[in-house]
């Protein structure tokens, strides 16, 4: 999932990267995405 944000300094990629949560790897199917989004439940 990719989001493009504007305002509040988020146009600066380094600022956005410093404030973002780490990337969560997941399988490329709906079950894998659901598990990643739901925290493995």
N, C-alpha and C. Protein backbone atom coordinates (compact mmCIF):
# COMPACT_ATOMS: atom_id res chain seq x y z
N UNK A 1 0.86 -1.16 0.00
CA UNK A 1 0.00 0.00 0.00
C UNK A 1 0.90 1.22 0.00
N UNK A 2 0.62 2.16 -0.87
CA UNK A 2 1.42 3.38 -0.96
C UNK A 2 0.51 4.58 -0.78
N UNK A 3 0.90 5.53 0.05
CA UNK A 3 0.14 6.76 0.26
C UNK A 3 1.02 7.95 -0.09
N UNK A 4 0.45 8.91 -0.79
CA UNK A 4 1.16 10.15 -1.08
C UNK A 4 0.49 11.24 -0.25
N UNK A 5 1.28 11.89 0.60
CA UNK A 5 0.74 12.89 1.51
C UNK A 5 1.36 14.25 1.22
N UNK A 6 0.59 15.29 1.45
CA UNK A 6 1.11 16.65 1.30
C UNK A 6 0.78 17.44 2.55
N UNK A 7 1.53 18.49 2.78
CA UNK A 7 1.31 19.35 3.93
C UNK A 7 2.09 18.88 5.15
N UNK A 8 2.28 19.77 6.10
CA UNK A 8 2.95 19.46 7.36
C UNK A 8 4.36 18.90 7.18
N UNK A 9 5.06 19.29 6.14
CA UNK A 9 6.44 18.85 5.96
C UNK A 9 6.58 17.47 5.35
N UNK A 10 5.48 16.80 5.03
CA UNK A 10 5.57 15.45 4.52
C UNK A 10 5.96 15.39 3.04
N UNK A 11 6.09 16.55 2.39
CA UNK A 11 6.59 16.54 1.01
C UNK A 11 8.08 16.22 0.99
N UNK A 12 8.73 16.42 2.11
CA UNK A 12 10.14 16.09 2.25
C UNK A 12 10.24 14.61 2.58
N UNK A 13 10.75 13.78 1.66
CA UNK A 13 10.77 12.33 1.89
C UNK A 13 11.49 11.92 3.17
N UNK A 14 12.57 12.59 3.52
CA UNK A 14 13.30 12.20 4.73
C UNK A 14 12.47 12.44 5.98
N UNK A 15 11.72 13.53 6.03
CA UNK A 15 10.84 13.79 7.17
C UNK A 15 9.80 12.69 7.29
N UNK A 16 9.20 12.32 6.18
CA UNK A 16 8.19 11.26 6.20
C UNK A 16 8.81 9.94 6.65
N UNK A 17 9.99 9.62 6.15
CA UNK A 17 10.64 8.36 6.51
C UNK A 17 11.02 8.33 7.99
N UNK A 18 11.43 9.47 8.53
CA UNK A 18 11.80 9.53 9.95
C UNK A 18 10.60 9.34 10.86
N UNK A 19 9.41 9.69 10.39
CA UNK A 19 8.21 9.62 11.22
C UNK A 19 7.37 8.37 10.98
N UNK A 20 7.67 7.63 9.93
CA UNK A 20 6.86 6.47 9.55
C UNK A 20 7.24 5.24 10.36
N UNK A 21 6.27 4.37 10.52
CA UNK A 21 6.53 3.06 11.14
C UNK A 21 7.33 2.22 10.15
N UNK A 22 8.05 1.22 10.63
CA UNK A 22 8.81 0.36 9.71
C UNK A 22 7.89 -0.41 8.77
N UNK A 23 8.42 -0.77 7.63
CA UNK A 23 7.67 -1.55 6.64
C UNK A 23 7.40 -2.94 7.20
N UNK A 24 6.17 -3.40 7.00
CA UNK A 24 5.79 -4.75 7.46
C UNK A 24 5.73 -5.65 6.24
N UNK A 25 6.65 -6.61 6.13
CA UNK A 25 6.61 -7.51 4.97
C UNK A 25 5.41 -8.44 5.08
N UNK A 26 4.84 -8.79 3.93
CA UNK A 26 3.72 -9.72 3.92
C UNK A 26 3.66 -10.43 2.57
N UNK A 27 2.92 -11.51 2.55
CA UNK A 27 2.72 -12.25 1.31
C UNK A 27 1.88 -11.41 0.36
N UNK A 28 1.98 -11.70 -0.93
CA UNK A 28 1.28 -10.91 -1.94
C UNK A 28 -0.08 -11.52 -2.28
N UNK A 29 -0.82 -11.88 -1.25
CA UNK A 29 -2.20 -12.34 -1.44
C UNK A 29 -3.06 -11.73 -0.34
N UNK A 30 -4.37 -11.83 -0.50
CA UNK A 30 -5.29 -11.16 0.43
C UNK A 30 -5.10 -11.65 1.86
N UNK A 31 -4.83 -12.93 2.03
CA UNK A 31 -4.65 -13.45 3.39
C UNK A 31 -3.41 -12.86 4.05
N UNK A 32 -2.34 -12.74 3.28
CA UNK A 32 -1.11 -12.16 3.81
C UNK A 32 -1.27 -10.70 4.17
N UNK A 33 -1.97 -9.94 3.32
CA UNK A 33 -2.21 -8.52 3.60
C UNK A 33 -3.11 -8.38 4.82
N UNK A 34 -4.17 -9.18 4.89
CA UNK A 34 -5.07 -9.13 6.06
C UNK A 34 -4.30 -9.44 7.35
N UNK A 35 -3.44 -10.44 7.31
CA UNK A 35 -2.67 -10.81 8.50
C UNK A 35 -1.75 -9.66 8.91
N UNK A 36 -1.12 -9.00 7.95
CA UNK A 36 -0.22 -7.89 8.26
C UNK A 36 -1.00 -6.71 8.83
N UNK A 37 -2.14 -6.39 8.24
CA UNK A 37 -2.95 -5.26 8.69
C UNK A 37 -3.56 -5.53 10.06
N UNK A 38 -4.00 -6.75 10.28
CA UNK A 38 -4.66 -7.10 11.54
C UNK A 38 -3.67 -7.52 12.63
N UNK A 39 -2.39 -7.43 12.36
CA UNK A 39 -1.39 -7.76 13.36
C UNK A 39 -1.21 -9.24 13.60
N UNK A 40 -1.45 -10.05 12.57
CA UNK A 40 -1.24 -11.49 12.69
C UNK A 40 -2.36 -12.24 13.37
N UNK A 41 -3.50 -11.57 13.56
CA UNK A 41 -4.64 -12.26 14.19
C UNK A 41 -5.28 -13.24 13.27
